[in-house]
Amino acid sequence: MASVGGKHVKLLGGWASPFVIRTRIALNLKGVDYEFLEEVFGVKSELLLESNPVYKKIPVLIHEGKPICESMIIVQYIDDIWAAKGSAILPANPYEGAIHRF
């Protein structure tokens, strides 16, 4: 079971999803330990439905019991929360950051 500073981090996703892969790369770049919870294609777990009730899709990052959805939002969150760990993932320049997120 993975934790960061005593705070449990979970990632709900599927191994083949490019959006989940993007999120996993960000977590790995920052050196964040996390628990990967594989979602079966076509079957939505209770945790996924509770964590993303509107869109019901992966990836979902759960940090300190709070869900964060959408891969680019998750990457920005990872970059902000673990700013002291490793290099920044997203550019500091607002224009370059916007282009990166596009």
C-alpha atoms as a PDB file:
ATOM      1  CA  MET A   1       0.000   0.000   0.000  1.00  0.00           C
ATOM      2  CA  ALA A   2       1.421   3.375  -0.995  1.00  0.00           C
ATOM      3  CA  SER A   3       1.488   6.596   0.926  1.00  0.00           C
ATOM      4  CA  VAL A   4       3.132   9.989   0.710  1.00  0.00           C
ATOM      5  CA  GLY A   5       3.858  11.703   3.988  1.00  0.00           C
ATOM      6  CA  GLY A   6       1.215   9.503   5.578  1.00  0.00           C
ATOM      7  CA  LYS A   7      -1.333  10.564   2.944  1.00  0.00           C
ATOM      8  CA  HIS A   8      -2.725   7.714   0.874  1.00  0.00           C
ATOM      9  CA  VAL A   9      -2.797   8.250  -2.899  1.00  0.00           C
ATOM     10  CA  LYS A  10      -4.895   6.100  -5.232  1.00  0.00           C
ATOM     11  CA  LEU A  11      -5.259   6.186  -9.000  1.00  0.00           C
ATOM     12  CA  LEU A  12      -8.287   4.620 -10.656  1.00  0.00           C
ATOM     13  CA  GLY A  13      -7.666   3.706 -14.265  1.00  0.00           C
ATOM     14  CA  GLY A  14      -7.118   1.233 -17.042  1.00  0.00           C
ATOM     15  CA  TRP A  15      -3.690   0.149 -18.216  1.00  0.00           C
ATOM     16  CA  ALA A  16      -4.344   0.992 -21.898  1.00  0.00           C
ATOM     17  CA  SER A  17      -5.866   4.454 -21.450  1.00  0.00           C
ATOM     18  CA  PRO A  18      -3.588   7.231 -22.754  1.00  0.00           C
ATOM     19  CA  PHE A  19      -5.128   9.566 -20.180  1.00  0.00           C
ATOM     20  CA  VAL A  20      -4.263   7.193 -17.351  1.00  0.00           C
ATOM     21  CA  ILE A  21      -0.768   6.726 -18.786  1.00  0.00           C
ATOM     22  CA  ARG A  22      -0.308  10.528 -18.788  1.00  0.00           C
ATOM     23  CA  THR A  23      -1.311  10.614 -15.120  1.00  0.00           C
ATOM     24  CA  ARG A  24       0.984   7.712 -14.187  1.00  0.00           C
ATOM     25  CA  ILE A  25       3.924   9.386 -15.926  1.00  0.00           C
ATOM     26  CA  ALA A  26       3.315  12.568 -13.900  1.00  0.00           C
ATOM     27  CA  LEU A  27       3.153  10.621 -10.629  1.00  0.00           C
ATOM     28  CA  ASN A  28       6.333   8.747 -11.511  1.00  0.00           C
ATOM     29  CA  LEU A  29       8.183  11.922 -12.565  1.00  0.00           C
ATOM     30  CA  LYS A  30       7.410  13.413  -9.156  1.00  0.00           C
ATOM     31  CA  GLY A  31       8.321  10.211  -7.338  1.00  0.00           C
ATOM     32  CA  VAL A  32       4.890   9.863  -5.758  1.00  0.00           C
ATOM     33  CA  ASP A  33       4.018   6.442  -4.341  1.00  0.00           C
ATOM     34  CA  TYR A  34       0.460   5.489  -5.189  1.00  0.00           C
ATOM     35  CA  GLU A  35      -1.880   2.542  -5.335  1.00  0.00           C
ATOM     36  CA  PHE A  36      -3.129   1.753  -8.848  1.00  0.00           C
ATOM     37  CA  LEU A  37      -6.681   0.424  -8.875  1.00  0.00           C
ATOM     38  CA  GLU A  38      -7.413  -1.205 -12.221  1.00  0.00           C
ATOM     39  CA  GLU A  39     -10.888  -0.530 -13.598  1.00  0.00           C
ATOM     40  CA  VAL A  40     -12.294  -3.295 -15.783  1.00  0.00           C
ATOM     41  CA  PHE A  41     -13.374  -1.997 -19.197  1.00  0.00           C
ATOM     42  CA  GLY A  42     -17.162  -1.794 -19.385  1.00  0.00           C
ATOM     43  CA  VAL A  43     -17.620  -2.284 -15.638  1.00  0.00           C
ATOM     44  CA  LYS A  44     -17.703   0.781 -13.401  1.00  0.00           C
ATOM     45  CA  SER A  45     -16.652   0.156  -9.813  1.00  0.00           C
ATOM     46  CA  GLU A  46     -18.540   1.647  -6.903  1.00  0.00           C
ATOM     47  CA  LEU A  47     -15.468   3.745  -6.052  1.00  0.00           C
ATOM     48  CA  LEU A  48     -15.362   5.176  -9.593  1.00  0.00           C
ATOM     49  CA  LEU A  49     -19.072   6.018  -9.524  1.00  0.00           C
ATOM     50  CA  GLU A  50     -18.662   7.737  -6.142  1.00  0.00           C
ATOM     51  CA  SER A  51     -15.494   9.570  -7.177  1.00  0.00           C
ATOM     52  CA  ASN A  52     -16.651  10.785 -10.599  1.00  0.00           C
ATOM     53  CA  PRO A  53     -20.466  10.710 -10.459  1.00  0.00           C
ATOM     54  CA  VAL A  54     -21.023  13.103 -13.374  1.00  0.00           C
ATOM     55  CA  TYR A  55     -18.831  11.616 -16.122  1.00  0.00           C
ATOM     56  CA  LYS A  56     -18.104   8.201 -14.567  1.00  0.00           C
ATOM     57  CA  LYS A  57     -14.756   7.887 -16.359  1.00  0.00           C
ATOM     58  CA  ILE A  58     -11.073   7.354 -15.671  1.00  0.00           C
ATOM     59  CA  PRO A  59      -8.581   8.518 -14.590  1.00  0.00           C
ATOM     60  CA  VAL A  60      -9.448   9.593 -11.068  1.00  0.00           C
ATOM     61  CA  LEU A  61      -6.754  10.500  -8.555  1.00  0.00           C
ATOM     62  CA  ILE A  62      -7.791  10.209  -4.917  1.00  0.00           C
ATOM     63  CA  HIS A  63      -5.549  12.179  -2.556  1.00  0.00           C
ATOM     64  CA  GLU A  64      -6.383  12.594   1.119  1.00  0.00           C
ATOM     65  CA  GLY A  65      -9.796  11.086   0.361  1.00  0.00           C
ATOM     66  CA  LYS A  66     -10.635  13.773  -2.228  1.00  0.00           C
ATOM     67  CA  PRO A  67     -11.128  12.822  -5.897  1.00  0.00           C
ATOM     68  CA  ILE A  68      -9.598  14.786  -8.776  1.00  0.00           C
ATOM     69  CA  CYS A  69     -10.793  13.999 -12.308  1.00  0.00           C
ATOM     70  CA  GLU A  70      -9.600  14.693 -15.883  1.00  0.00           C
ATOM     71  CA  SER A  71      -6.006  13.862 -16.746  1.00  0.00           C
ATOM     72  CA  MET A  72      -4.689  17.386 -17.415  1.00  0.00           C
ATOM     73  CA  ILE A  73      -6.303  18.688 -14.219  1.00  0.00           C
ATOM     74  CA  ILE A  74      -4.722  15.774 -12.352  1.00  0.00           C
ATOM     75  CA  VAL A  75      -1.287  16.513 -13.869  1.00  0.00           C
ATOM     76  CA  GLN A  76      -1.553  20.162 -12.816  1.00  0.00           C
ATOM     77  CA  TYR A  77      -2.644  19.075  -9.319  1.00  0.00           C
ATOM     78  CA  ILE A  78       0.323  16.682  -9.058  1.00  0.00           C
ATOM     79  CA  ASP A  79       2.676  19.441 -10.206  1.00  0.00           C
ATOM     80  CA  ASP A  80       1.237  21.850  -7.599  1.00  0.00           C
ATOM     81  CA  ILE A  81       0.987  19.478  -4.621  1.00  0.00           C
ATOM     82  CA  TRP A  82       4.389  17.872  -5.092  1.00  0.00           C
ATOM     83  CA  ALA A  83       6.142  21.015  -6.382  1.00  0.00           C
ATOM     84  CA  ALA A  84       9.152  20.396  -4.136  1.00  0.00           C
ATOM     85  CA  LYS A  85       9.699  16.907  -5.582  1.00  0.00           C
ATOM     86  CA  GLY A  86      11.673  16.990  -8.819  1.00  0.00           C
ATOM     87  CA  SER A  87      11.359  19.394 -11.716  1.00  0.00           C
ATOM     88  CA  ALA A  88       8.110  21.070 -12.716  1.00  0.00           C
ATOM     89  CA  ILE A  89       6.038  19.093 -15.197  1.00  0.00           C
ATOM     90  CA  LEU A  90       4.155  22.047 -16.665  1.00  0.00           C
ATOM     91  CA  PRO A  91       5.808  25.275 -17.837  1.00  0.00           C
ATOM     92  CA  ALA A  92       5.748  28.265 -15.470  1.00  0.00           C
ATOM     93  CA  ASN A  93       5.067  30.687 -18.334  1.00  0.00           C
ATOM     94  CA  PRO A  94       1.249  31.072 -18.649  1.00  0.00           C
ATOM     95  CA  TYR A  95       1.290  31.069 -22.463  1.00  0.00           C
ATOM     96  CA  GLU A  96       3.523  28.003 -22.683  1.00  0.00           C
ATOM     97  CA  GLY A  97       1.369  26.316 -20.047  1.00  0.00           C
ATOM     98  CA  ALA A  98      -1.778  27.009 -22.076  1.00  0.00           C
ATOM     99  CA  ILE A  99      -0.158  25.593 -25.220  1.00  0.00           C
ATOM    100  CA  HIS A 100       0.967  22.531 -23.268  1.00  0.00           C
ATOM    101  CA  ARG A 101      -2.543  21.895 -21.933  1.00  0.00           C
ATOM    102  CA  PHE A 102      -4.070  22.363 -25.396  1.00  0.00           C
END
